């Protein structure tokens, strides 16, 4: 009966190890994308962000001044 416990522990450990490896590979990919120096910066992404911010509706300032 004790071997079943060790098998269960082994399966859980293997699953956790597989999960950790996949997360670390994804993190390495993201890190490589961030630190990739040779890639030219695109201004389109910045322009899109500015465009979305300029078209965002203004918050209702009167709503924030009410108390109670």
PDB file of N, CA and C in Angstrom:
ATOM      1  N   UNK A   1       0.810  -1.202   0.000  1.00  0.00           N
ATOM      2  CA  UNK A   1       0.000   0.000   0.000  1.00  0.00           C
ATOM      3  C   UNK A   1       0.854   1.267   0.000  1.00  0.00           C
ATOM      4  N   UNK A   2       2.046   1.216   0.577  1.00  0.00           N
ATOM      5  CA  UNK A   2       2.876   2.416   0.646  1.00  0.00           C
ATOM      6  C   UNK A   2       3.404   2.798  -0.730  1.00  0.00           C
ATOM      7  N   UNK A   3       3.540   1.814  -1.633  1.00  0.00           N
ATOM      8  CA  UNK A   3       4.050   2.132  -2.969  1.00  0.00           C
ATOM      9  C   UNK A   3       3.081   3.032  -3.725  1.00  0.00           C
ATOM     10  N   UNK A   4       1.791   2.937  -3.423  1.00  0.00           N
ATOM     11  CA  UNK A   4       0.806   3.789  -4.087  1.00  0.00           C
ATOM     12  C   UNK A   4       0.999   5.253  -3.689  1.00  0.00           C
ATOM     13  N   UNK A   5       1.378   5.479  -2.462  1.00  0.00           N
ATOM     14  CA  UNK A   5       1.659   6.831  -2.010  1.00  0.00           C
ATOM     15  C   UNK A   5       2.864   7.395  -2.753  1.00  0.00           C
ATOM     16  N   UNK A   6       3.914   6.573  -2.911  1.00  0.00           N
ATOM     17  CA  UNK A   6       5.099   7.033  -3.623  1.00  0.00           C
ATOM     18  C   UNK A   6       4.810   7.276  -5.089  1.00  0.00           C
ATOM     19  N   UNK A   7       3.951   6.468  -5.688  1.00  0.00           N
ATOM     20  CA  UNK A   7       3.556   6.681  -7.084  1.00  0.00           C
ATOM     21  C   UNK A   7       2.791   7.995  -7.210  1.00  0.00           C
ATOM     22  N   UNK A   8       1.881   8.257  -6.287  1.00  0.00           N
ATOM     23  CA  UNK A   8       1.113   9.507  -6.308  1.00  0.00           C
ATOM     24  C   UNK A   8       2.038  10.706  -6.113  1.00  0.00           C
ATOM     25  N   UNK A   9       2.995  10.601  -5.204  1.00  0.00           N
ATOM     26  CA  UNK A   9       3.947  11.688  -4.981  1.00  0.00           C
ATOM     27  C   UNK A   9       4.789  11.913  -6.236  1.00  0.00           C
ATOM     28  N   UNK A  10       5.201  10.826  -6.875  1.00  0.00           N
ATOM     29  CA  UNK A  10       5.983  10.934  -8.111  1.00  0.00           C
ATOM     30  C   UNK A  10       5.214  11.590  -9.235  1.00  0.00           C
ATOM     31  N   UNK A  11       3.951  11.251  -9.379  1.00  0.00           N
ATOM     32  CA  UNK A  11       3.119  11.843 -10.432  1.00  0.00           C
ATOM     33  C   UNK A  11       2.922  13.332 -10.167  1.00  0.00           C
ATOM     34  N   UNK A  12       2.656  13.695  -8.936  1.00  0.00           N
ATOM     35  CA  UNK A  12       2.472  15.110  -8.590  1.00  0.00           C
ATOM     36  C   UNK A  12       3.775  15.873  -8.803  1.00  0.00           C
ATOM     37  N   UNK A  13       4.903  15.284  -8.406  1.00  0.00           N
ATOM     38  CA  UNK A  13       6.194  15.950  -8.595  1.00  0.00           C
ATOM     39  C   UNK A  13       6.498  16.126 -10.077  1.00  0.00           C
ATOM     40  N   UNK A  14       6.197  15.120 -10.892  1.00  0.00           N
ATOM     41  CA  UNK A  14       6.437  15.226 -12.337  1.00  0.00           C
ATOM     42  C   UNK A  14       5.550  16.301 -12.951  1.00  0.00           C
ATOM     43  N   UNK A  15       4.303  16.376 -12.515  1.00  0.00           N
ATOM     44  CA  UNK A  15       3.394  17.396 -13.042  1.00  0.00           C
ATOM     45  C   UNK A  15       3.867  18.801 -12.652  1.00  0.00           C
ATOM     46  N   UNK A  16       4.301  18.972 -11.415  1.00  0.00           N
ATOM     47  CA  UNK A  16       4.812  20.277 -10.984  1.00  0.00           C
ATOM     48  C   UNK A  16       6.085  20.646 -11.734  1.00  0.00           C
ATOM     49  N   UNK A  17       6.947  19.685 -11.966  1.00  0.00           N
ATOM     50  CA  UNK A  17       8.173  19.941 -12.709  1.00  0.00           C
ATOM     51  C   UNK A  17       7.869  20.329 -14.150  1.00  0.00           C
ATOM     52  N   UNK A  18       6.936  19.640 -14.772  1.00  0.00           N
ATOM     53  CA  UNK A  18       6.532  19.972 -16.143  1.00  0.00           C
ATOM     54  C   UNK A  18       5.926  21.368 -16.206  1.00  0.00           C
ATOM     55  N   UNK A  19       5.096  21.701 -15.237  1.00  0.00           N
ATOM     56  CA  UNK A  19       4.496  23.031 -15.184  1.00  0.00           C
ATOM     57  C   UNK A  19       5.566  24.108 -15.016  1.00  0.00           C
ATOM     58  N   UNK A  20       6.522  23.870 -14.126  1.00  0.00           N
ATOM     59  CA  UNK A  20       7.590  24.846 -13.883  1.00  0.00           C
ATOM     60  C   UNK A  20       8.455  25.032 -15.123  1.00  0.00           C
ATOM     61  N   UNK A  21       8.759  23.944 -15.816  1.00  0.00           N
ATOM     62  CA  UNK A  21       9.577  24.041 -17.020  1.00  0.00           C
ATOM     63  C   UNK A  21       8.861  24.832 -18.105  1.00  0.00           C
ATOM     64  N   UNK A  22       7.580  24.587 -18.304  1.00  0.00           N
ATOM     65  CA  UNK A  22       6.848  25.330 -19.336  1.00  0.00           C
ATOM     66  C   UNK A  22       6.736  26.806 -18.978  1.00  0.00           C
ATOM     67  N   UNK A  23       6.545  27.121 -17.707  1.00  0.00           N
ATOM     68  CA  UNK A  23       6.479  28.532 -17.294  1.00  0.00           C
ATOM     69  C   UNK A  23       7.831  29.227 -17.469  1.00  0.00           C
ATOM     70  N   UNK A  24       8.912  28.533 -17.161  1.00  0.00           N
ATOM     71  CA  UNK A  24      10.245  29.123 -17.310  1.00  0.00           C
ATOM     72  C   UNK A  24      10.593  29.318 -18.788  1.00  0.00           C
ATOM     73  N   UNK A  25      10.171  28.409 -19.643  1.00  0.00           N
ATOM     74  CA  UNK A  25      10.429  28.579 -21.072  1.00  0.00           C
ATOM     75  C   UNK A  25       9.652  29.775 -21.604  1.00  0.00           C
ATOM     76  N   UNK A  26       8.413  29.946 -21.133  1.00  0.00           N
ATOM     77  CA  UNK A  26       7.624  31.102 -21.557  1.00  0.00           C
ATOM     78  C   UNK A  26       8.267  32.390 -21.036  1.00  0.00           C
ATOM     79  N   UNK A  27       8.719  32.371 -19.785  1.00  0.00           N
ATOM     80  CA  UNK A  27       9.365  33.555 -19.219  1.00  0.00           C
ATOM     81  C   UNK A  27      10.643  33.897 -19.980  1.00  0.00           C
ATOM     82  N   UNK A  28      11.402  32.887 -20.396  1.00  0.00           N
ATOM     83  CA  UNK A  28      12.616  33.140 -21.166  1.00  0.00           C
ATOM     84  C   UNK A  28      12.271  33.754 -22.520  1.00  0.00           C
ATOM     85  N   UNK A  29      11.203  33.280 -23.135  1.00  0.00           N
ATOM     86  CA  UNK A  29      10.770  33.831 -24.420  1.00  0.00           C
ATOM     87  C   UNK A  29      10.366  35.303 -24.273  1.00  0.00           C
ATOM     88  N   UNK A  30       9.615  35.615 -23.232  1.00  0.00           N
ATOM     89  CA  UNK A  30       9.198  36.997 -22.987  1.00  0.00           C
ATOM     90  C   UNK A  30      10.416  37.869 -22.693  1.00  0.00           C
ATOM     91  N   UNK A  31      11.339  37.374 -21.894  1.00  0.00           N
ATOM     92  CA  UNK A  31      12.549  38.126 -21.573  1.00  0.00           C
ATOM     93  C   UNK A  31      13.365  38.393 -22.832  1.00  0.00           C
ATOM     94  N   UNK A  32      13.486  37.394 -23.695  1.00  0.00           N
ATOM     95  CA  UNK A  32      14.219  37.582 -24.943  1.00  0.00           C
ATOM     96  C   UNK A  32      13.542  38.621 -25.828  1.00  0.00           C
ATOM     97  N   UNK A  33      12.211  38.625 -25.857  1.00  0.00           N
ATOM     98  CA  UNK A  33      11.496  39.628 -26.643  1.00  0.00           C
ATOM     99  C   UNK A  33      11.725  41.033 -26.093  1.00  0.00           C
ATOM    100  N   UNK A  34      11.769  41.171 -24.780  1.00  0.00           N
ATOM    101  CA  UNK A  34      11.950  42.484 -24.175  1.00  0.00           C
ATOM    102  C   UNK A  34      13.364  42.998 -24.398  1.00  0.00           C
ATOM    103  N   UNK A  35      14.338  42.132 -24.276  1.00  0.00           N
ATOM    104  CA  UNK A  35      15.736  42.562 -24.344  1.00  0.00           C
ATOM    105  C   UNK A  35      16.340  42.464 -25.732  1.00  0.00           C
ATOM    106  N   UNK A  36      15.553  42.162 -26.735  1.00  0.00           N
ATOM    107  CA  UNK A  36      16.067  42.059 -28.101  1.00  0.00           C
ATOM    108  C   UNK A  36      16.387  43.459 -28.610  1.00  0.00           C
ATOM    109  N   UNK A  37      17.686  43.777 -28.723  1.00  0.00           N
ATOM    110  CA  UNK A  37      18.121  45.139 -29.002  1.00  0.00           C
ATOM    111  C   UNK A  37      18.091  45.446 -30.495  1.00  0.00           C
ATOM    112  N   UNK A  38      18.340  44.464 -31.350  1.00  0.00           N
ATOM    113  CA  UNK A  38      18.453  44.716 -32.780  1.00  0.00           C
ATOM    114  C   UNK A  38      17.118  45.070 -33.440  1.00  0.00           C
ATOM    115  N   UNK A  39      16.024  44.729 -32.809  1.00  0.00           N
ATOM    116  CA  UNK A  39      14.713  44.985 -33.395  1.00  0.00           C
ATOM    117  C   UNK A  39      14.394  46.477 -33.337  1.00  0.00           C
ATOM    118  N   UNK A  40      14.025  47.084 -34.466  1.00  0.00           N
ATOM    119  CA  UNK A  40      13.690  48.516 -34.437  1.00  0.00           C
ATOM    120  C   UNK A  40      12.359  48.745 -33.714  1.00  0.00           C
ATOM    121  N   UNK A  41      12.304  49.830 -32.993  1.00  0.00           N
ATOM    122  CA  UNK A  41      11.075  50.182 -32.280  1.00  0.00           C
ATOM    123  C   UNK A  41      10.041  50.680 -33.279  1.00  0.00           C
ATOM    124  N   UNK A  42       8.827  50.222 -33.141  1.00  0.00           N
ATOM    125  CA  UNK A  42       7.774  50.649 -34.055  1.00  0.00           C
ATOM    126  C   UNK A  42       6.989  51.776 -33.423  1.00  0.00           C
ATOM    127  N   UNK A  43       6.774  52.811 -34.185  1.00  0.00           N
ATOM    128  CA  UNK A  43       6.023  53.964 -33.698  1.00  0.00           C
ATOM    129  C   UNK A  43       4.522  53.711 -33.813  1.00  0.00           C
ATOM    130  N   UNK A  44       4.128  52.688 -34.548  1.00  0.00           N
ATOM    131  CA  UNK A  44       2.701  52.413 -34.729  1.00  0.00           C
ATOM    132  C   UNK A  44       2.048  52.042 -33.404  1.00  0.00           C
ATOM    133  N   UNK A  45       2.751  51.290 -32.583  1.00  0.00           N
ATOM    134  CA  UNK A  45       2.187  50.896 -31.293  1.00  0.00           C
ATOM    135  C   UNK A  45       1.989  52.118 -30.403  1.00  0.00           C
ATOM    136  N   UNK A  46       2.928  53.030 -30.393  1.00  0.00           N
ATOM    137  CA  UNK A  46       2.821  54.243 -29.584  1.00  0.00           C
ATOM    138  C   UNK A  46       1.677  55.113 -30.106  1.00  0.00           C
ATOM    139  N   UNK A  47       1.578  55.231 -31.413  1.00  0.00           N
ATOM    140  CA  UNK A  47       0.499  56.035 -31.989  1.00  0.00           C
ATOM    141  C   UNK A  47      -0.862  55.437 -31.678  1.00  0.00           C
ATOM    142  N   UNK A  48      -0.960  54.121 -31.696  1.00  0.00           N
ATOM    143  CA  UNK A  48      -2.236  53.480 -31.387  1.00  0.00           C
ATOM    144  C   UNK A  48      -2.623  53.743 -29.941  1.00  0.00           C
ATOM    145  N   UNK A  49      -1.657  53.688 -29.043  1.00  0.00           N
ATOM    146  CA  UNK A  49      -1.933  53.960 -27.633  1.00  0.00           C
ATOM    147  C   UNK A  49      -2.390  55.403 -27.432  1.00  0.00           C
ATOM    148  N   UNK A  50      -1.732  56.354 -28.085  1.00  0.00           N
ATOM    149  CA  UNK A  50      -2.132  57.755 -27.981  1.00  0.00           C
ATOM    150  C   UNK A  50      -3.524  57.969 -28.570  1.00  0.00           C
ATOM    151  N   UNK A  51      -3.811  57.292 -29.653  1.00  0.00           N
ATOM    152  CA  UNK A  51      -5.128  57.421 -30.283  1.00  0.00           C
ATOM    153  C   UNK A  51      -6.221  56.901 -29.353  1.00  0.00           C
ATOM    154  N   UNK A  52      -5.993  55.750 -28.732  1.00  0.00           N
ATOM    155  CA  UNK A  52      -7.003  55.194 -27.819  1.00  0.00           C
ATOM    156  C   UNK A  52      -7.187  56.068 -26.585  1.00  0.00           C
ATOM    157  N   UNK A  53      -6.103  56.629 -26.072  1.00  0.00           N
ATOM    158  CA  UNK A  53      -6.220  57.507 -24.900  1.00  0.00           C
ATOM    159  C   UNK A  53      -6.964  58.788 -25.226  1.00  0.00           C
ATOM    160  N   UNK A  54      -6.781  59.321 -26.414  1.00  0.00           N
ATOM    161  CA  UNK A  54      -7.450  60.568 -26.765  1.00  0.00           C
ATOM    162  C   UNK A  54      -8.949  60.362 -26.986  1.00  0.00           C
ATOM    163  N   UNK A  55      -9.349  59.160 -27.341  1.00  0.00           N
ATOM    164  CA  UNK A  55     -10.772  58.888 -27.582  1.00  0.00           C
ATOM    165  C   UNK A  55     -11.468  58.244 -26.389  1.00  0.00           C
ATOM    166  N   UNK A  56     -10.793  58.167 -25.267  1.00  0.00           N
ATOM    167  CA  UNK A  56     -11.401  57.607 -24.071  1.00  0.00           C
ATOM    168  C   UNK A  56     -12.356  58.643 -23.484  1.00  0.00           C
ATOM    169  N   UNK A  57     -13.555  58.247 -23.084  1.00  0.00           N
ATOM    170  CA  UNK A  57     -14.482  59.238 -22.508  1.00  0.00           C
ATOM    171  C   UNK A  57     -13.956  59.787 -21.187  1.00  0.00           C
ATOM    172  N   UNK A  58     -14.214  61.057 -20.962  1.00  0.00           N
ATOM    173  CA  UNK A  58     -13.763  61.717 -19.738  1.00  0.00           C
ATOM    174  C   UNK A  58     -14.592  61.204 -18.562  1.00  0.00           C
ATOM    175  N   UNK A  59     -13.961  61.000 -17.414  1.00  0.00           N
ATOM    176  CA  UNK A  59     -14.721  60.546 -16.245  1.00  0.00           C
ATOM    177  C   UNK A  59     -15.645  61.657 -15.746  1.00  0.00           C
ATOM    178  N   UNK A  60     -16.737  61.262 -15.156  1.00  0.00           N
ATOM    179  CA  UNK A  60     -17.694  62.221 -14.616  1.00  0.00           C
ATOM    180  C   UNK A  60     -17.120  62.789 -13.319  1.00  0.00           C
ATOM    181  N   UNK A  61     -16.630  64.029 -13.366  1.00  0.00           N
ATOM    182  CA  UNK A  61     -15.950  64.616 -12.203  1.00  0.00           C
ATOM    183  C   UNK A  61     -16.947  64.943 -11.075  1.00  0.00           C
ATOM    184  N   UNK A  62     -18.208  65.226 -11.417  1.00  0.00           N
ATOM    185  CA  UNK A  62     -19.197  65.541 -10.370  1.00  0.00           C
ATOM    186  C   UNK A  62     -19.480  64.318  -9.527  1.00  0.00           C
ATOM    187  N   UNK A  63     -19.379  63.157 -10.090  1.00  0.00           N
ATOM    188  CA  UNK A  63     -19.652  61.923  -9.358  1.00  0.00           C
ATOM    189  C   UNK A  63     -18.601  61.716  -8.259  1.00  0.00           C
ATOM    190  N   UNK A  64     -17.398  62.181  -8.468  1.00  0.00           N
ATOM    191  CA  UNK A  64     -16.331  61.963  -7.504  1.00  0.00           C
ATOM    192  C   UNK A  64     -16.375  62.976  -6.362  1.00  0.00           C
ATOM    193  N   UNK A  65     -17.105  64.059  -6.514  1.00  0.00           N
ATOM    194  CA  UNK A  65     -17.138  65.084  -5.470  1.00  0.00           C
ATOM    195  C   UNK A  65     -18.216  64.844  -4.424  1.00  0.00           C
ATOM    196  N   UNK A  66     -19.158  63.988  -4.717  1.00  0.00           N
ATOM    197  CA  UNK A  66     -20.251  63.756  -3.762  1.00  0.00           C
ATOM    198  C   UNK A  66     -19.771  62.948  -2.572  1.00  0.00           C
ATOM    199  N   UNK A  67     -20.288  63.286  -1.419  1.00  0.00           N
ATOM    200  CA  UNK A  67     -19.968  62.553  -0.195  1.00  0.00           C
ATOM    201  C   UNK A  67     -21.264  62.013   0.381  1.00  0.00           C
ATOM    202  N   UNK A  68     -21.281  60.683   0.556  1.00  0.00           N
ATOM    203  CA  UNK A  68     -22.417  60.053   1.178  1.00  0.00           C
ATOM    204  C   UNK A  68     -23.523  59.922   0.282  1.00  0.00           C
TER     205      UNK A  68
END
